[in-house]
Amino acid sequence: CPFCRHPAPKSKEEEEKNIMKRVQADPVAMVQIGLRRNEAGDYDDAFRYLSKAAELGEVGAHYQLALFYHEGKGVEKDGKKEVYHLEQA
């Protein structure tokens, strides 16, 4: 990779591992990964990334989690949690 000066990953697993290393301390990146996973239909992973970003104070993640609780994507519909995340956003 020209940006991180590491060799390009040889497999999808290695690529995923590299991405995880980069986003661990970046809540905005976590939201982006969560949104991509959501679009791909992987709601469990999307929820995991968005939850971690929300814990770190990312307001966009709170908004997305509110939508998850409103629509019941990967989680049980929950009005109280939906309102909580909307208030945090």
C-alpha atoms as a PDB file:
ATOM      1  CA  CYS A   1       0.000   0.000   0.000  1.00  0.00           C
ATOM      2  CA  PRO A   2       1.561   3.362  -0.947  1.00  0.00           C
ATOM      3  CA  PHE A   3       0.048   5.048   2.109  1.00  0.00           C
ATOM      4  CA  CYS A   4       1.014   2.670   4.884  1.00  0.00           C
ATOM      5  CA  ARG A   5       4.154   1.276   3.173  1.00  0.00           C
ATOM      6  CA  HIS A   6       3.211  -2.312   3.752  1.00  0.00           C
ATOM      7  CA  PRO A   7       2.953  -4.972   1.058  1.00  0.00           C
ATOM      8  CA  ALA A   8      -0.489  -5.464  -0.459  1.00  0.00           C
ATOM      9  CA  PRO A   9      -2.530  -8.176   1.291  1.00  0.00           C
ATOM     10  CA  LYS A  10      -2.427 -11.604  -0.298  1.00  0.00           C
ATOM     11  CA  SER A  11      -5.873 -12.732   0.859  1.00  0.00           C
ATOM     12  CA  LYS A  12      -9.226 -11.329   1.944  1.00  0.00           C
ATOM     13  CA  GLU A  13      -8.505 -12.402   5.527  1.00  0.00           C
ATOM     14  CA  GLU A  14      -5.231 -10.496   5.554  1.00  0.00           C
ATOM     15  CA  GLU A  15      -6.949  -7.458   4.055  1.00  0.00           C
ATOM     16  CA  GLU A  16      -9.641  -7.581   6.754  1.00  0.00           C
ATOM     17  CA  LYS A  17      -6.985  -7.855   9.469  1.00  0.00           C
ATOM     18  CA  ASN A  18      -5.194  -4.779   8.100  1.00  0.00           C
ATOM     19  CA  ILE A  19      -8.419  -2.778   7.977  1.00  0.00           C
ATOM     20  CA  MET A  20      -9.230  -3.714  11.570  1.00  0.00           C
ATOM     21  CA  LYS A  21      -5.779  -2.524  12.698  1.00  0.00           C
ATOM     22  CA  ARG A  22      -6.358   0.855  11.072  1.00  0.00           C
ATOM     23  CA  VAL A  23      -9.876   1.501  12.346  1.00  0.00           C
ATOM     24  CA  GLN A  24      -9.417   0.466  15.976  1.00  0.00           C
ATOM     25  CA  ALA A  25      -8.739   4.011  17.162  1.00  0.00           C
ATOM     26  CA  ASP A  26     -10.778   5.893  14.557  1.00  0.00           C
ATOM     27  CA  PRO A  27     -14.529   6.099  15.252  1.00  0.00           C
ATOM     28  CA  VAL A  28     -15.256   7.788  11.904  1.00  0.00           C
ATOM     29  CA  ALA A  29     -13.599   4.884  10.092  1.00  0.00           C
ATOM     30  CA  MET A  30     -15.619   2.463  12.230  1.00  0.00           C
ATOM     31  CA  VAL A  31     -18.828   4.153  11.091  1.00  0.00           C
ATOM     32  CA  GLN A  32     -17.758   3.857   7.457  1.00  0.00           C
ATOM     33  CA  ILE A  33     -16.982   0.149   7.843  1.00  0.00           C
ATOM     34  CA  GLY A  34     -20.286  -0.322   9.685  1.00  0.00           C
ATOM     35  CA  LEU A  35     -22.193   1.366   6.862  1.00  0.00           C
ATOM     36  CA  ARG A  36     -20.471  -0.820   4.276  1.00  0.00           C
ATOM     37  CA  ARG A  37     -21.324  -3.947   6.246  1.00  0.00           C
ATOM     38  CA  ASN A  38     -24.912  -2.750   6.559  1.00  0.00           C
ATOM     39  CA  GLU A  39     -25.170  -2.270   2.783  1.00  0.00           C
ATOM     40  CA  ALA A  40     -23.760  -5.770   2.289  1.00  0.00           C
ATOM     41  CA  GLY A  41     -26.460  -7.174   4.591  1.00  0.00           C
ATOM     42  CA  ASP A  42     -24.068  -8.133   7.397  1.00  0.00           C
ATOM     43  CA  TYR A  43     -26.108  -6.512  10.163  1.00  0.00           C
ATOM     44  CA  ASP A  44     -24.272  -8.178  13.055  1.00  0.00           C
ATOM     45  CA  ASP A  45     -20.888  -6.812  12.007  1.00  0.00           C
ATOM     46  CA  ALA A  46     -22.404  -3.441  11.119  1.00  0.00           C
ATOM     47  CA  PHE A  47     -23.977  -3.230  14.563  1.00  0.00           C
ATOM     48  CA  ARG A  48     -20.680  -4.173  16.197  1.00  0.00           C
ATOM     49  CA  TYR A  49     -18.708  -1.458  14.390  1.00  0.00           C
ATOM     50  CA  LEU A  50     -21.367   1.185  14.952  1.00  0.00           C
ATOM     51  CA  SER A  51     -21.682   0.308  18.641  1.00  0.00           C
ATOM     52  CA  LYS A  52     -17.944   0.640  19.164  1.00  0.00           C
ATOM     53  CA  ALA A  53     -17.913   4.005  17.361  1.00  0.00           C
ATOM     54  CA  ALA A  54     -20.857   5.196  19.481  1.00  0.00           C
ATOM     55  CA  GLU A  55     -18.978   4.203  22.644  1.00  0.00           C
ATOM     56  CA  LEU A  56     -16.181   6.482  21.459  1.00  0.00           C
ATOM     57  CA  GLY A  57     -18.641   9.369  21.065  1.00  0.00           C
ATOM     58  CA  GLU A  58     -19.248   9.367  17.304  1.00  0.00           C
ATOM     59  CA  VAL A  59     -22.670  11.001  16.828  1.00  0.00           C
ATOM     60  CA  GLY A  60     -23.164   9.546  13.341  1.00  0.00           C
ATOM     61  CA  ALA A  61     -22.902   6.076  14.847  1.00  0.00           C
ATOM     62  CA  HIS A  62     -25.603   6.932  17.372  1.00  0.00           C
ATOM     63  CA  TYR A  63     -27.900   8.010  14.554  1.00  0.00           C
ATOM     64  CA  GLN A  64     -27.276   4.801  12.612  1.00  0.00           C
ATOM     65  CA  LEU A  65     -27.895   2.699  15.724  1.00  0.00           C
ATOM     66  CA  ALA A  66     -31.198   4.528  16.214  1.00  0.00           C
ATOM     67  CA  LEU A  67     -32.168   3.419  12.698  1.00  0.00           C
ATOM     68  CA  PHE A  68     -31.174  -0.158  13.509  1.00  0.00           C
ATOM     69  CA  TYR A  69     -33.441  -0.155  16.563  1.00  0.00           C
ATOM     70  CA  HIS A  70     -36.248   1.548  14.623  1.00  0.00           C
ATOM     71  CA  GLU A  71     -36.139  -0.929  11.721  1.00  0.00           C
ATOM     72  CA  GLY A  72     -35.143  -4.004  13.726  1.00  0.00           C
ATOM     73  CA  LYS A  73     -32.081  -4.677  11.549  1.00  0.00           C
ATOM     74  CA  GLY A  74     -30.028  -7.339  13.294  1.00  0.00           C
ATOM     75  CA  VAL A  75     -31.560  -6.329  16.625  1.00  0.00           C
ATOM     76  CA  GLU A  76     -34.992  -6.459  18.174  1.00  0.00           C
ATOM     77  CA  LYS A  77     -37.020  -3.284  17.658  1.00  0.00           C
ATOM     78  CA  ASP A  78     -36.671  -1.142  20.755  1.00  0.00           C
ATOM     79  CA  GLY A  79     -38.191   2.311  21.005  1.00  0.00           C
ATOM     80  CA  LYS A  80     -36.327   3.247  24.169  1.00  0.00           C
ATOM     81  CA  LYS A  81     -32.922   2.456  22.694  1.00  0.00           C
ATOM     82  CA  GLU A  82     -33.909   4.196  19.481  1.00  0.00           C
ATOM     83  CA  VAL A  83     -34.775   7.389  21.386  1.00  0.00           C
ATOM     84  CA  TYR A  84     -31.605   7.126  23.493  1.00  0.00           C
ATOM     85  CA  HIS A  85     -29.395   6.993  20.393  1.00  0.00           C
ATOM     86  CA  LEU A  86     -31.331   9.803  18.718  1.00  0.00           C
ATOM     87  CA  GLU A  87     -30.800  11.974  21.785  1.00  0.00           C
ATOM     88  CA  GLN A  88     -27.074  11.189  21.745  1.00  0.00           C
ATOM     89  CA  ALA A  89     -26.909  12.093  18.055  1.00  0.00           C
END
